Amino acid sequence: MQGGIPGPPERERTLWRLDPDNPHRPQLFVLTTDKPDWNHLVEQAGWPGAEGEHYAVRDYAPLLQQLAPGRSFAFRLTANPVQNTNRPDKPTARQKARTEAGDRRSFRLGHRTAAAQLGWFLTCTARWGFDIPTAPHLEGTHGTDDEPPRDIRITTRQRHSFDKGPATAKEAHVVMNSVTFEGRLRITDPAILTGRLLAGIGPSKAYGCGLLTLAPLPERE
């Protein structure tokens, strides 16, 4: 993927997300600063002679120009919900060693339950420049915490465990939880939201997390 972007890979942080809505033809979304060229991917892994558009490149500026306070969009985000804690419930051998050595730095741990992952998202939206309105078909109702249900849902939850490749022993293995959120957002601060759209949300961006995408809301009957 990085081979389609001009210049050295370290010059910019590329955001990407693989959407397997159609398992036979998943869609790869990539956000770059420089205009990419994906012809090499089509030649190496696609069907160069097939009809139709093999890939599409679009300017991001028209979308950013539409951002305004109070405006609503449909959204999708695959993220790695995490928390920082000084006392893990089930510390690993490495975490125990750090604690016993007097290391006072907190540990970054992934949220494991759907409720905790959704809570992480809803707690962070103010820092991302938007909020999540009440679900239209559930207005006037309340959940167990006496809060009205929000217009958001979790569509996919996955645990990933893999090797990074050449690295030091303590960094060679990665374990993370990715969660895909979908729903409706309402803009509260266009400048902050623009920053999140361009820089991404949360950790694990190198592994396909953090790319927030927006789309027009479907017309309601």
N, C-alpha and C. Protein backbone atom coordinates (compact mmCIF):
# COMPACT_ATOMS: atom_id res chain seq x y z
N MET A 1 0.82 -1.20 0.00
CA MET A 1 0.00 0.00 0.00
C MET A 1 0.86 1.26 0.00
N GLN A 2 1.90 1.29 0.84
CA GLN A 2 2.76 2.46 0.91
C GLN A 2 3.47 2.71 -0.42
N GLY A 3 3.61 1.66 -1.25
CA GLY A 3 4.28 1.84 -2.52
C GLY A 3 3.52 2.72 -3.49
N GLY A 4 2.25 2.97 -3.23
CA GLY A 4 1.47 3.83 -4.10
C GLY A 4 1.53 5.30 -3.74
N ILE A 5 2.30 5.64 -2.71
CA ILE A 5 2.37 7.02 -2.23
C ILE A 5 3.74 7.58 -2.54
N PRO A 6 3.82 8.72 -3.24
CA PRO A 6 5.13 9.29 -3.57
C PRO A 6 5.87 9.77 -2.33
N GLY A 7 7.19 9.67 -2.39
CA GLY A 7 7.99 10.13 -1.27
C GLY A 7 8.23 9.04 -0.26
N PRO A 8 9.12 9.29 0.71
CA PRO A 8 9.43 8.28 1.74
C PRO A 8 8.24 8.01 2.63
N PRO A 9 8.03 6.75 3.04
CA PRO A 9 6.86 6.39 3.86
C PRO A 9 6.80 7.13 5.18
N GLU A 10 7.96 7.46 5.77
CA GLU A 10 7.96 8.11 7.08
C GLU A 10 7.54 9.58 7.01
N ARG A 11 7.36 10.12 5.80
CA ARG A 11 7.03 11.54 5.69
C ARG A 11 5.61 11.84 6.14
N GLU A 12 4.71 10.90 6.03
CA GLU A 12 3.34 11.12 6.43
C GLU A 12 2.75 9.85 7.05
N ARG A 13 1.80 10.03 7.94
CA ARG A 13 1.09 8.90 8.53
C ARG A 13 -0.14 8.61 7.68
N THR A 14 -0.16 7.48 7.05
CA THR A 14 -1.28 7.09 6.20
C THR A 14 -2.35 6.42 7.04
N LEU A 15 -3.58 6.86 6.88
CA LEU A 15 -4.71 6.21 7.54
C LEU A 15 -5.37 5.26 6.55
N TRP A 16 -5.78 4.10 7.04
CA TRP A 16 -6.43 3.15 6.14
C TRP A 16 -7.41 2.28 6.92
N ARG A 17 -8.34 1.69 6.18
CA ARG A 17 -9.33 0.80 6.79
C ARG A 17 -9.82 -0.19 5.73
N LEU A 18 -9.94 -1.43 6.13
CA LEU A 18 -10.46 -2.46 5.23
C LEU A 18 -11.88 -2.78 5.64
N ASP A 19 -12.83 -2.52 4.75
CA ASP A 19 -14.25 -2.77 5.02
C ASP A 19 -14.69 -4.04 4.31
N PRO A 20 -14.92 -5.12 5.04
CA PRO A 20 -15.32 -6.40 4.42
C PRO A 20 -16.83 -6.55 4.31
N ASP A 21 -17.55 -5.48 3.92
CA ASP A 21 -19.00 -5.59 3.78
C ASP A 21 -19.36 -6.72 2.82
N ASN A 22 -18.60 -6.79 1.73
CA ASN A 22 -18.73 -7.91 0.79
C ASN A 22 -17.46 -8.75 0.94
N PRO A 23 -17.53 -9.91 1.61
CA PRO A 23 -16.32 -10.70 1.86
C PRO A 23 -15.61 -11.14 0.59
N HIS A 24 -16.33 -11.17 -0.54
CA HIS A 24 -15.72 -11.57 -1.80
C HIS A 24 -15.06 -10.38 -2.50
N ARG A 25 -15.39 -9.16 -2.04
CA ARG A 25 -14.80 -7.98 -2.65
C ARG A 25 -14.70 -6.86 -1.61
N PRO A 26 -13.81 -7.02 -0.63
CA PRO A 26 -13.67 -6.00 0.41
C PRO A 26 -13.16 -4.69 -0.18
N GLN A 27 -13.47 -3.60 0.49
CA GLN A 27 -13.05 -2.28 0.04
C GLN A 27 -11.97 -1.74 0.96
N LEU A 28 -10.92 -1.21 0.36
CA LEU A 28 -9.82 -0.60 1.11
C LEU A 28 -9.91 0.91 0.97
N PHE A 29 -10.05 1.60 2.11
CA PHE A 29 -10.08 3.06 2.13
C PHE A 29 -8.74 3.56 2.66
N VAL A 30 -8.14 4.52 1.96
CA VAL A 30 -6.84 5.05 2.35
C VAL A 30 -6.90 6.57 2.28
N LEU A 31 -6.38 7.24 3.31
CA LEU A 31 -6.30 8.70 3.35
C LEU A 31 -4.84 9.10 3.32
N THR A 32 -4.45 9.87 2.31
CA THR A 32 -3.06 10.28 2.15
C THR A 32 -2.98 11.79 1.94
N THR A 33 -1.81 12.35 2.20
CA THR A 33 -1.58 13.77 1.93
C THR A 33 -1.29 14.00 0.46
N ASP A 34 -0.40 13.18 -0.11
CA ASP A 34 -0.07 13.27 -1.53
C ASP A 34 -1.00 12.36 -2.34
N LYS A 35 -1.21 12.71 -3.59
CA LYS A 35 -2.08 11.92 -4.45
C LYS A 35 -1.42 10.57 -4.74
N PRO A 36 -2.11 9.46 -4.45
CA PRO A 36 -1.51 8.14 -4.65
C PRO A 36 -1.73 7.61 -6.06
N ASP A 37 -1.01 6.55 -6.39
CA ASP A 37 -1.17 5.83 -7.65
C ASP A 37 -1.18 4.34 -7.32
N TRP A 38 -2.34 3.71 -7.50
CA TRP A 38 -2.50 2.30 -7.11
C TRP A 38 -2.38 1.34 -8.29
N ASN A 39 -1.88 1.80 -9.43
CA ASN A 39 -1.80 0.92 -10.59
C ASN A 39 -0.96 -0.32 -10.32
N HIS A 40 0.09 -0.18 -9.51
CA HIS A 40 0.94 -1.34 -9.24
C HIS A 40 0.18 -2.42 -8.48
N LEU A 41 -0.78 -2.00 -7.60
CA LEU A 41 -1.58 -2.99 -6.88
C LEU A 41 -2.52 -3.73 -7.83
N VAL A 42 -3.10 -2.98 -8.77
CA VAL A 42 -3.99 -3.61 -9.75
C VAL A 42 -3.21 -4.62 -10.58
N GLU A 43 -1.99 -4.26 -10.97
CA GLU A 43 -1.19 -5.15 -11.81
C GLU A 43 -0.72 -6.38 -11.04
N GLN A 44 -0.41 -6.21 -9.75
CA GLN A 44 0.14 -7.31 -8.97
C GLN A 44 -0.93 -8.22 -8.38
N ALA A 45 -2.06 -7.63 -7.97
CA ALA A 45 -3.04 -8.42 -7.22
C ALA A 45 -4.46 -8.32 -7.78
N GLY A 46 -4.64 -7.59 -8.87
CA GLY A 46 -5.98 -7.40 -9.41
C GLY A 46 -6.13 -7.98 -10.80
N TRP A 47 -7.04 -7.40 -11.56
CA TRP A 47 -7.30 -7.83 -12.93
C TRP A 47 -7.19 -6.60 -13.83
N PRO A 48 -5.98 -6.29 -14.30
CA PRO A 48 -5.77 -5.07 -15.09
C PRO A 48 -6.66 -4.97 -16.32
N GLY A 49 -7.03 -6.13 -16.90
CA GLY A 49 -7.83 -6.10 -18.11
C GLY A 49 -9.33 -6.03 -17.88
N ALA A 50 -9.75 -6.06 -16.62
CA ALA A 50 -11.19 -6.05 -16.33
C ALA A 50 -11.78 -4.67 -16.59
N GLU A 51 -13.05 -4.66 -16.95
CA GLU A 51 -13.73 -3.39 -17.20
C GLU A 51 -14.08 -2.70 -15.88
N GLY A 52 -14.31 -1.42 -15.97
CA GLY A 52 -14.73 -0.67 -14.79
C GLY A 52 -13.56 0.01 -14.09
N GLU A 53 -13.89 0.72 -13.04
CA GLU A 53 -12.91 1.50 -12.28
C GLU A 53 -12.23 0.61 -11.25
N HIS A 54 -10.93 0.46 -11.35
CA HIS A 54 -10.19 -0.41 -10.43
C HIS A 54 -10.01 0.26 -9.07
N TYR A 55 -9.82 1.55 -9.07
CA TYR A 55 -9.72 2.30 -7.82
C TYR A 55 -10.13 3.75 -8.10
N ALA A 56 -10.50 4.45 -7.06
CA ALA A 56 -10.94 5.83 -7.19
C ALA A 56 -10.15 6.71 -6.24
N VAL A 57 -9.73 7.87 -6.73
CA VAL A 57 -9.03 8.86 -5.91
C VAL A 57 -9.87 10.13 -5.87
N ARG A 58 -10.18 10.59 -4.68
CA ARG A 58 -11.04 11.76 -4.52
C ARG A 58 -10.36 12.81 -3.64
N ASP A 59 -10.62 14.07 -3.96
CA ASP A 59 -10.11 15.18 -3.15
C ASP A 59 -10.92 15.27 -1.87
N TYR A 60 -10.25 15.45 -0.73
CA TYR A 60 -10.92 15.51 0.57
C TYR A 60 -11.48 16.90 0.87
N ALA A 61 -10.97 17.91 0.18
CA ALA A 61 -11.34 19.29 0.51
C ALA A 61 -12.85 19.56 0.45
N PRO A 62 -13.58 19.07 -0.57
CA PRO A 62 -15.02 19.35 -0.61
C PRO A 62 -15.76 18.87 0.63
N LEU A 63 -15.36 17.73 1.18
CA LEU A 63 -16.01 17.25 2.41
C LEU A 63 -15.68 18.17 3.57
N LEU A 64 -14.42 18.53 3.73
CA LEU A 64 -14.02 19.38 4.86
C LEU A 64 -14.72 20.73 4.81
N GLN A 65 -15.01 21.21 3.61
CA GLN A 65 -15.68 22.50 3.47
C GLN A 65 -17.15 22.44 3.88
N GLN A 66 -17.70 21.25 3.97
CA GLN A 66 -19.10 21.09 4.37
C GLN A 66 -19.30 21.02 5.88
N LEU A 67 -18.21 20.91 6.64
CA LEU A 67 -18.33 20.76 8.08
C LEU A 67 -18.77 22.06 8.72
N ALA A 68 -19.84 21.99 9.49
CA ALA A 68 -20.39 23.18 10.15
C ALA A 68 -21.08 22.75 11.44
N PRO A 69 -21.08 23.61 12.45
CA PRO A 69 -21.73 23.25 13.72
C PRO A 69 -23.19 22.86 13.50
N GLY A 70 -23.60 21.77 14.11
CA GLY A 70 -24.98 21.32 14.03
C GLY A 70 -25.29 20.41 12.86
N ARG A 71 -24.39 20.33 11.90
CA ARG A 71 -24.66 19.46 10.75
C ARG A 71 -24.42 18.00 11.13
N SER A 72 -25.23 17.11 10.58
CA SER A 72 -25.15 15.69 10.91
C SER A 72 -24.70 14.87 9.71
N PHE A 73 -23.97 13.80 9.99
CA PHE A 73 -23.50 12.87 8.97
C PHE A 73 -23.62 11.45 9.49
N ALA A 74 -23.74 10.51 8.56
CA ALA A 74 -23.53 9.11 8.91
C ALA A 74 -22.02 8.90 9.01
N PHE A 75 -21.59 8.00 9.89
CA PHE A 75 -20.15 7.80 10.06
C PHE A 75 -19.83 6.32 10.23
N ARG A 76 -18.57 6.02 10.01
CA ARG A 76 -18.02 4.69 10.32
C ARG A 76 -16.60 4.89 10.83
N LEU A 77 -16.26 4.16 11.86
CA LEU A 77 -14.91 4.22 12.44
C LEU A 77 -14.53 2.84 12.97
N THR A 78 -13.38 2.36 12.55
CA THR A 78 -12.78 1.19 13.18
C THR A 78 -11.67 1.70 14.09
N ALA A 79 -11.77 1.39 15.37
CA ALA A 79 -10.85 1.94 16.36
C ALA A 79 -10.38 0.85 17.31
N ASN A 80 -9.36 1.20 18.09
CA ASN A 80 -8.84 0.33 19.14
C ASN A 80 -9.10 1.01 20.48
N PRO A 81 -10.25 0.76 21.12
CA PRO A 81 -10.58 1.42 22.38
C PRO A 81 -9.64 0.97 23.50
N VAL A 82 -8.99 1.93 24.14
CA VAL A 82 -8.01 1.60 25.18
C VAL A 82 -8.24 2.46 26.42
N GLN A 83 -7.61 2.06 27.50
CA GLN A 83 -7.62 2.81 28.74
C GLN A 83 -6.23 2.74 29.35
N ASN A 84 -5.88 3.74 30.15
CA ASN A 84 -4.62 3.74 30.87
C ASN A 84 -4.88 3.45 32.34
N THR A 85 -4.14 2.51 32.90
CA THR A 85 -4.33 2.13 34.29
C THR A 85 -2.99 1.76 34.91
N ASN A 86 -2.87 1.99 36.20
CA ASN A 86 -1.67 1.61 36.94
C ASN A 86 -1.78 0.21 37.55
N ARG A 87 -3.00 -0.34 37.55
CA ARG A 87 -3.23 -1.64 38.18
C ARG A 87 -4.06 -2.54 37.26
N PRO A 88 -3.42 -3.26 36.36
CA PRO A 88 -4.16 -4.20 35.51
C PRO A 88 -4.80 -5.30 36.34
N ASP A 89 -6.01 -5.72 35.97
CA ASP A 89 -6.69 -6.80 36.69
C ASP A 89 -5.92 -8.11 36.61
N LYS A 90 -5.40 -8.41 35.43
CA LYS A 90 -4.63 -9.63 35.23
C LYS A 90 -3.30 -9.27 34.57
N PRO A 91 -2.34 -8.79 35.37
CA PRO A 91 -1.07 -8.34 34.78
C PRO A 91 -0.29 -9.47 34.13
N THR A 92 0.33 -9.16 33.01
CA THR A 92 1.19 -10.12 32.34
C THR A 92 2.54 -10.17 33.06
N ALA A 93 3.37 -11.12 32.66
CA ALA A 93 4.69 -11.25 33.27
C ALA A 93 5.51 -9.97 33.06
N ARG A 94 5.37 -9.40 31.87
CA ARG A 94 6.11 -8.16 31.59
C ARG A 94 5.61 -7.02 32.46
N GLN A 95 4.28 -6.92 32.63
CA GLN A 95 3.72 -5.86 33.46
C GLN A 95 4.13 -6.03 34.92
N LYS A 96 4.14 -7.27 35.40
CA LYS A 96 4.59 -7.52 36.78
C LYS A 96 6.04 -7.10 36.96
N ALA A 97 6.86 -7.41 35.98
CA ALA A 97 8.28 -7.07 36.07
C ALA A 97 8.47 -5.55 36.11
N ARG A 98 7.71 -4.84 35.31
CA ARG A 98 7.81 -3.38 35.32
C ARG A 98 7.41 -2.82 36.68
N THR A 99 6.31 -3.33 37.24
CA THR A 99 5.84 -2.84 38.53
C THR A 99 6.85 -3.13 39.63
N GLU A 100 7.38 -4.34 39.63
CA GLU A 100 8.35 -4.73 40.65
C GLU A 100 9.65 -3.94 40.53
N ALA A 101 9.94 -3.46 39.33
CA ALA A 101 11.15 -2.66 39.12
C ALA A 101 10.95 -1.20 39.50
N GLY A 102 9.74 -0.86 39.94
CA GLY A 102 9.47 0.51 40.35
C GLY A 102 9.03 1.44 39.25
N ASP A 103 8.70 0.89 38.08
CA ASP A 103 8.23 1.71 36.96
C ASP A 103 6.82 2.19 37.26
N ARG A 104 6.64 3.51 37.36
CA ARG A 104 5.33 4.07 37.73
C ARG A 104 4.49 4.49 36.52
N ARG A 105 4.97 4.25 35.35
CA ARG A 105 4.18 4.59 34.17
C ARG A 105 2.93 3.71 34.08
N SER A 106 1.86 4.29 33.57
CA SER A 106 0.61 3.53 33.46
C SER A 106 0.70 2.55 32.28
N PHE A 107 -0.18 1.56 32.31
CA PHE A 107 -0.26 0.57 31.25
C PHE A 107 -1.44 0.91 30.34
N ARG A 108 -1.23 0.76 29.04
CA ARG A 108 -2.33 0.95 28.08
C ARG A 108 -2.96 -0.41 27.81
N LEU A 109 -4.23 -0.53 28.17
CA LEU A 109 -4.94 -1.80 28.01
C LEU A 109 -6.17 -1.59 27.14
N GLY A 110 -6.51 -2.60 26.37
CA GLY A 110 -7.69 -2.52 25.53
C GLY A 110 -8.96 -2.82 26.29
N HIS A 111 -10.05 -2.12 25.96
CA HIS A 111 -11.36 -2.46 26.50
C HIS A 111 -11.83 -3.75 25.84
N ARG A 112 -12.34 -4.68 26.62
CA ARG A 112 -12.66 -6.00 26.08
C ARG A 112 -14.14 -6.25 25.85
N THR A 113 -15.02 -5.59 26.58
CA THR A 113 -16.45 -5.84 26.42
C THR A 113 -17.07 -4.79 25.51
N ALA A 114 -18.18 -5.16 24.87
CA ALA A 114 -18.86 -4.22 23.98
C ALA A 114 -19.33 -2.99 24.74
N ALA A 115 -19.82 -3.18 25.97
CA ALA A 115 -20.30 -2.05 26.77
C ALA A 115 -19.17 -1.08 27.08
N ALA A 116 -18.00 -1.60 27.44
CA ALA A 116 -16.86 -0.74 27.74
C ALA A 116 -16.36 -0.04 26.48
N GLN A 117 -16.37 -0.74 25.36
CA GLN A 117 -15.92 -0.14 24.11
C GLN A 117 -16.85 0.97 23.65
N LEU A 118 -18.15 0.74 23.79
CA LEU A 118 -19.11 1.78 23.44
C LEU A 118 -19.00 2.96 24.40
N GLY A 119 -18.80 2.68 25.69
CA GLY A 119 -18.63 3.75 26.66
C GLY A 119 -17.41 4.59 26.36
N TRP A 120 -16.32 3.95 25.95
CA TRP A 120 -15.10 4.68 25.55
C TRP A 120 -15.42 5.66 24.43
N PHE A 121 -16.14 5.18 23.41
CA PHE A 121 -16.45 6.04 22.27
C PHE A 121 -17.28 7.25 22.71
N LEU A 122 -18.36 7.01 23.44
CA LEU A 122 -19.26 8.09 23.82
C LEU A 122 -18.59 9.08 24.77
N THR A 123 -17.64 8.62 25.56
CA THR A 123 -16.93 9.51 26.48
C THR A 123 -15.97 10.43 25.73
N CYS A 124 -15.47 9.98 24.59
CA CYS A 124 -14.43 10.73 23.87
C CYS A 124 -14.96 11.68 22.81
N THR A 125 -16.24 11.61 22.46
CA THR A 125 -16.72 12.37 21.31
C THR A 125 -16.51 13.88 21.45
N ALA A 126 -16.62 14.42 22.66
CA ALA A 126 -16.43 15.86 22.85
C ALA A 126 -15.02 16.28 22.43
N ARG A 127 -14.04 15.40 22.64
CA ARG A 127 -12.66 15.70 22.26
C ARG A 127 -12.44 15.54 20.76
N TRP A 128 -13.40 14.96 20.08
CA TRP A 128 -13.28 14.74 18.64
C TRP A 128 -14.11 15.73 17.82
N GLY A 129 -14.82 16.62 18.48
CA GLY A 129 -15.55 17.66 17.76
C GLY A 129 -16.96 17.31 17.34
N PHE A 130 -17.57 16.30 17.96
CA PHE A 130 -18.95 15.96 17.62
C PHE A 130 -19.60 15.26 18.80
N ASP A 131 -20.92 15.08 18.71
CA ASP A 131 -21.64 14.25 19.67
C ASP A 131 -22.53 13.28 18.92
N ILE A 132 -23.12 12.35 19.66
CA ILE A 132 -24.00 11.34 19.06
C ILE A 132 -25.42 11.62 19.53
N PRO A 133 -26.31 12.01 18.62
CA PRO A 133 -27.69 12.32 19.02
C PRO A 133 -28.46 11.07 19.44
N THR A 134 -29.60 11.31 20.04
CA THR A 134 -30.50 10.22 20.40
C THR A 134 -31.01 9.54 19.13
N ALA A 135 -31.12 8.23 19.17
CA ALA A 135 -31.65 7.49 18.02
C ALA A 135 -33.08 7.95 17.74
N PRO A 136 -33.40 8.37 16.50
CA PRO A 136 -34.72 8.93 16.22
C PRO A 136 -35.88 8.00 16.59
N HIS A 137 -35.73 6.70 16.32
CA HIS A 137 -36.83 5.78 16.58
C HIS A 137 -36.94 5.41 18.05
N LEU A 138 -36.01 5.90 18.89
CA LEU A 138 -36.04 5.59 20.32
C LEU A 138 -36.17 6.84 21.18
N GLU A 139 -36.52 7.96 20.57
CA GLU A 139 -36.68 9.20 21.34
C GLU A 139 -37.78 9.03 22.38
N GLY A 140 -37.52 9.52 23.58
CA GLY A 140 -38.48 9.40 24.66
C GLY A 140 -38.30 8.17 25.51
N THR A 141 -37.35 7.29 25.11
CA THR A 141 -37.07 6.09 25.90
C THR A 141 -35.75 6.27 26.64
N HIS A 142 -35.49 5.41 27.61
CA HIS A 142 -34.26 5.50 28.38
C HIS A 142 -33.71 4.10 28.62
N GLY A 143 -32.37 4.01 28.70
CA GLY A 143 -31.72 2.75 28.98
C GLY A 143 -31.61 2.50 30.47
N THR A 144 -30.82 1.51 30.81
CA THR A 144 -30.68 1.14 32.23
C THR A 144 -29.98 2.23 33.03
N ASP A 145 -29.16 3.06 32.38
CA ASP A 145 -28.48 4.14 33.09
C ASP A 145 -29.25 5.45 33.02
N ASP A 146 -30.53 5.38 32.60
CA ASP A 146 -31.41 6.54 32.50
C ASP A 146 -30.96 7.53 31.43
N GLU A 147 -30.10 7.09 30.52
CA GLU A 147 -29.68 7.91 29.40
C GLU A 147 -30.43 7.46 28.15
N PRO A 148 -30.87 8.39 27.30
CA PRO A 148 -31.56 7.99 26.08
C PRO A 148 -30.61 7.24 25.15
N PRO A 149 -31.08 6.21 24.46
CA PRO A 149 -30.22 5.45 23.55
C PRO A 149 -29.67 6.33 22.43
N ARG A 150 -28.40 6.21 22.16
CA ARG A 150 -27.75 7.03 21.14
C ARG A 150 -27.79 6.34 19.77
N ASP A 151 -27.66 7.15 18.73
CA ASP A 151 -27.74 6.64 17.36
C ASP A 151 -26.37 6.10 16.93
N ILE A 152 -25.99 5.00 17.54
CA ILE A 152 -24.69 4.38 17.27
C ILE A 152 -24.81 2.88 17.56
N ARG A 153 -24.04 2.10 16.83
CA ARG A 153 -24.04 0.65 17.05
C ARG A 153 -22.64 0.11 16.74
N ILE A 154 -22.34 -1.00 17.36
CA ILE A 154 -21.11 -1.72 17.05
C ILE A 154 -21.44 -2.81 16.04
N THR A 155 -20.74 -2.81 14.92
CA THR A 155 -21.03 -3.78 13.87
C THR A 155 -20.03 -4.93 13.82
N THR A 156 -18.81 -4.68 14.29
CA THR A 156 -17.78 -5.72 14.26
C THR A 156 -16.85 -5.56 15.45
N ARG A 157 -16.50 -6.68 16.09
CA ARG A 157 -15.51 -6.70 17.16
C ARG A 157 -14.54 -7.85 16.88
N GLN A 158 -13.24 -7.55 16.89
CA GLN A 158 -12.25 -8.57 16.59
C GLN A 158 -11.04 -8.44 17.52
N ARG A 159 -10.49 -9.57 17.90
CA ARG A 159 -9.23 -9.61 18.65
C ARG A 159 -8.14 -10.05 17.69
N HIS A 160 -7.06 -9.28 17.64
CA HIS A 160 -5.96 -9.57 16.73
C HIS A 160 -4.71 -9.92 17.54
N SER A 161 -3.98 -10.91 17.07
CA SER A 161 -2.73 -11.32 17.71
C SER A 161 -1.76 -11.69 16.60
N PHE A 162 -0.65 -10.95 16.49
CA PHE A 162 0.27 -11.18 15.39
C PHE A 162 1.66 -10.67 15.74
N ASP A 163 2.64 -11.12 14.96
CA ASP A 163 4.02 -10.67 15.11
C ASP A 163 4.26 -9.45 14.23
N LYS A 164 5.05 -8.52 14.74
CA LYS A 164 5.36 -7.31 13.98
C LYS A 164 6.44 -7.53 12.95
N GLY A 165 7.22 -8.60 13.10
CA GLY A 165 8.37 -8.79 12.24
C GLY A 165 9.63 -8.43 12.98
N PRO A 166 10.68 -7.99 12.28
CA PRO A 166 11.94 -7.65 12.94
C PRO A 166 11.74 -6.57 14.00
N ALA A 167 12.02 -6.90 15.24
CA ALA A 167 11.87 -5.96 16.35
C ALA A 167 12.52 -6.57 17.57
N THR A 168 12.58 -5.79 18.63
CA THR A 168 13.11 -6.34 19.86
C THR A 168 12.13 -7.36 20.41
N ALA A 169 12.60 -8.23 21.29
CA ALA A 169 11.77 -9.33 21.78
C ALA A 169 10.50 -8.84 22.46
N LYS A 170 10.60 -7.76 23.22
CA LYS A 170 9.44 -7.30 23.97
C LYS A 170 8.41 -6.60 23.09
N GLU A 171 8.78 -6.24 21.86
CA GLU A 171 7.86 -5.54 20.97
C GLU A 171 7.43 -6.38 19.78
N ALA A 172 7.90 -7.63 19.73
CA ALA A 172 7.70 -8.42 18.53
C ALA A 172 6.27 -8.90 18.35
N HIS A 173 5.49 -8.96 19.42
CA HIS A 173 4.13 -9.50 19.33
C HIS A 173 3.11 -8.43 19.70
N VAL A 174 2.04 -8.36 18.92
CA VAL A 174 0.99 -7.36 19.12
C VAL A 174 -0.33 -8.07 19.39
N VAL A 175 -1.03 -7.63 20.43
CA VAL A 175 -2.38 -8.09 20.72
C VAL A 175 -3.26 -6.86 20.85
N MET A 176 -4.34 -6.79 20.08
CA MET A 176 -5.20 -5.61 20.10
C MET A 176 -6.63 -6.00 19.77
N ASN A 177 -7.55 -5.14 20.17
CA ASN A 177 -8.98 -5.33 19.87
C ASN A 177 -9.44 -4.20 18.96
N SER A 178 -9.97 -4.55 17.81
CA SER A 178 -10.53 -3.54 16.91
C SER A 178 -12.06 -3.62 16.95
N VAL A 179 -12.67 -2.45 16.91
CA VAL A 179 -14.13 -2.35 16.98
C VAL A 179 -14.60 -1.39 15.89
N THR A 180 -15.61 -1.77 15.14
CA THR A 180 -16.17 -0.89 14.12
C THR A 180 -17.48 -0.31 14.63
N PHE A 181 -17.52 1.03 14.67
CA PHE A 181 -18.70 1.77 15.11
C PHE A 181 -19.36 2.41 13.89
N GLU A 182 -20.68 2.41 13.88
CA GLU A 182 -21.44 3.09 12.83
C GLU A 182 -22.59 3.83 13.48
N GLY A 183 -23.02 4.92 12.84
CA GLY A 183 -24.16 5.65 13.38
C GLY A 183 -24.27 7.03 12.78
N ARG A 184 -24.77 7.94 13.60
CA ARG A 184 -25.00 9.33 13.17
C ARG A 184 -24.31 10.26 14.16
N LEU A 185 -23.53 11.19 13.63
CA LEU A 185 -22.89 12.18 14.49
C LEU A 185 -23.38 13.58 14.15
N ARG A 186 -23.25 14.46 15.14
CA ARG A 186 -23.64 15.87 14.96
C ARG A 186 -22.42 16.72 15.33
N ILE A 187 -22.01 17.57 14.42
CA ILE A 187 -20.78 18.35 14.60
C ILE A 187 -20.96 19.42 15.67
N THR A 188 -20.01 19.49 16.57
CA THR A 188 -19.99 20.55 17.60
C THR A 188 -18.83 21.51 17.39
N ASP A 189 -17.72 21.03 16.83
CA ASP A 189 -16.55 21.88 16.58
C ASP A 189 -15.89 21.45 15.28
N PRO A 190 -16.15 22.16 14.17
CA PRO A 190 -15.61 21.74 12.87
C PRO A 190 -14.09 21.68 12.83
N ALA A 191 -13.41 22.59 13.53
CA ALA A 191 -11.94 22.60 13.49
C ALA A 191 -11.37 21.35 14.15
N ILE A 192 -11.92 20.98 15.30
CA ILE A 192 -11.44 19.78 15.98
C ILE A 192 -11.76 18.54 15.16
N LEU A 193 -12.96 18.47 14.61
CA LEU A 193 -13.34 17.31 13.80
C LEU A 193 -12.44 17.20 12.57
N THR A 194 -12.12 18.32 11.95
CA THR A 194 -11.21 18.30 10.80
C THR A 194 -9.88 17.68 11.18
N GLY A 195 -9.38 18.06 12.35
CA GLY A 195 -8.12 17.49 12.81
C GLY A 195 -8.20 15.99 13.01
N ARG A 196 -9.33 15.50 13.54
CA ARG A 196 -9.49 14.05 13.74
C ARG A 196 -9.66 13.32 12.41
N LEU A 197 -10.33 13.94 11.46
CA LEU A 197 -10.49 13.31 10.15
C LEU A 197 -9.14 13.14 9.47
N LEU A 198 -8.26 14.13 9.63
CA LEU A 198 -6.97 14.10 8.95
C LEU A 198 -5.91 13.30 9.71
N ALA A 199 -5.96 13.34 11.04
CA ALA A 199 -4.92 12.68 11.84
C ALA A 199 -5.35 11.32 12.38
N GLY A 200 -6.65 11.05 12.38
CA GLY A 200 -7.13 9.77 12.88
C GLY A 200 -7.50 9.80 14.35
N ILE A 201 -8.12 8.72 14.80
CA ILE A 201 -8.64 8.62 16.17
C ILE A 201 -8.07 7.38 16.85
N GLY A 202 -7.50 7.58 18.02
CA GLY A 202 -7.03 6.47 18.83
C GLY A 202 -5.73 5.85 18.35
N PRO A 203 -5.27 4.79 19.03
CA PRO A 203 -4.02 4.12 18.67
C PRO A 203 -4.20 3.08 17.56
N SER A 204 -3.10 2.42 17.23
CA SER A 204 -3.08 1.31 16.26
C SER A 204 -3.43 1.75 14.84
N LYS A 205 -3.06 2.98 14.48
CA LYS A 205 -3.35 3.46 13.12
C LYS A 205 -2.59 2.67 12.07
N ALA A 206 -1.41 2.18 12.41
CA ALA A 206 -0.64 1.39 11.45
C ALA A 206 -1.31 0.07 11.12
N TYR A 207 -2.27 -0.34 11.97
CA TYR A 207 -2.93 -1.64 11.79
C TYR A 207 -4.38 -1.49 11.33
N GLY A 208 -4.70 -0.37 10.69
CA GLY A 208 -6.02 -0.21 10.10
C GLY A 208 -7.06 0.42 10.99
N CYS A 209 -6.65 1.04 12.09
CA CYS A 209 -7.58 1.71 13.00
C CYS A 209 -7.44 3.23 12.86
N GLY A 210 -8.51 3.95 13.22
CA GLY A 210 -8.42 5.40 13.33
C GLY A 210 -9.02 6.21 12.22
N LEU A 211 -9.31 5.62 11.07
CA LEU A 211 -9.86 6.38 9.94
C LEU A 211 -11.36 6.57 10.12
N LEU A 212 -11.77 7.80 10.37
CA LEU A 212 -13.19 8.15 10.49
C LEU A 212 -13.69 8.62 9.14
N THR A 213 -14.74 7.99 8.62
CA THR A 213 -15.31 8.39 7.34
C THR A 213 -16.75 8.87 7.54
N LEU A 214 -17.12 9.87 6.74
CA LEU A 214 -18.45 10.46 6.82
C LEU A 214 -19.19 10.26 5.51
N ALA A 215 -20.51 10.24 5.58
CA ALA A 215 -21.35 10.11 4.40
C ALA A 215 -22.65 10.85 4.65
N PRO A 216 -23.32 11.30 3.58
CA PRO A 216 -24.62 11.96 3.78
C PRO A 216 -25.61 11.00 4.43
N LEU A 217 -26.47 11.54 5.25
CA LEU A 217 -27.50 10.72 5.89
C LEU A 217 -28.56 10.32 4.87
N PRO A 218 -29.06 9.10 4.94
CA PRO A 218 -30.14 8.71 4.03
C PRO A 218 -31.40 9.49 4.35
N GLU A 219 -32.16 9.77 3.33
CA GLU A 219 -33.41 10.50 3.54
C GLU A 219 -34.41 9.61 4.25
N ARG A 220 -35.05 10.18 5.27
CA ARG A 220 -36.06 9.41 6.02
C ARG A 220 -37.42 9.58 5.36
N GLU A 221 -38.16 8.51 5.36
CA GLU A 221 -39.49 8.55 4.76
C GLU A 221 -40.47 9.27 5.68
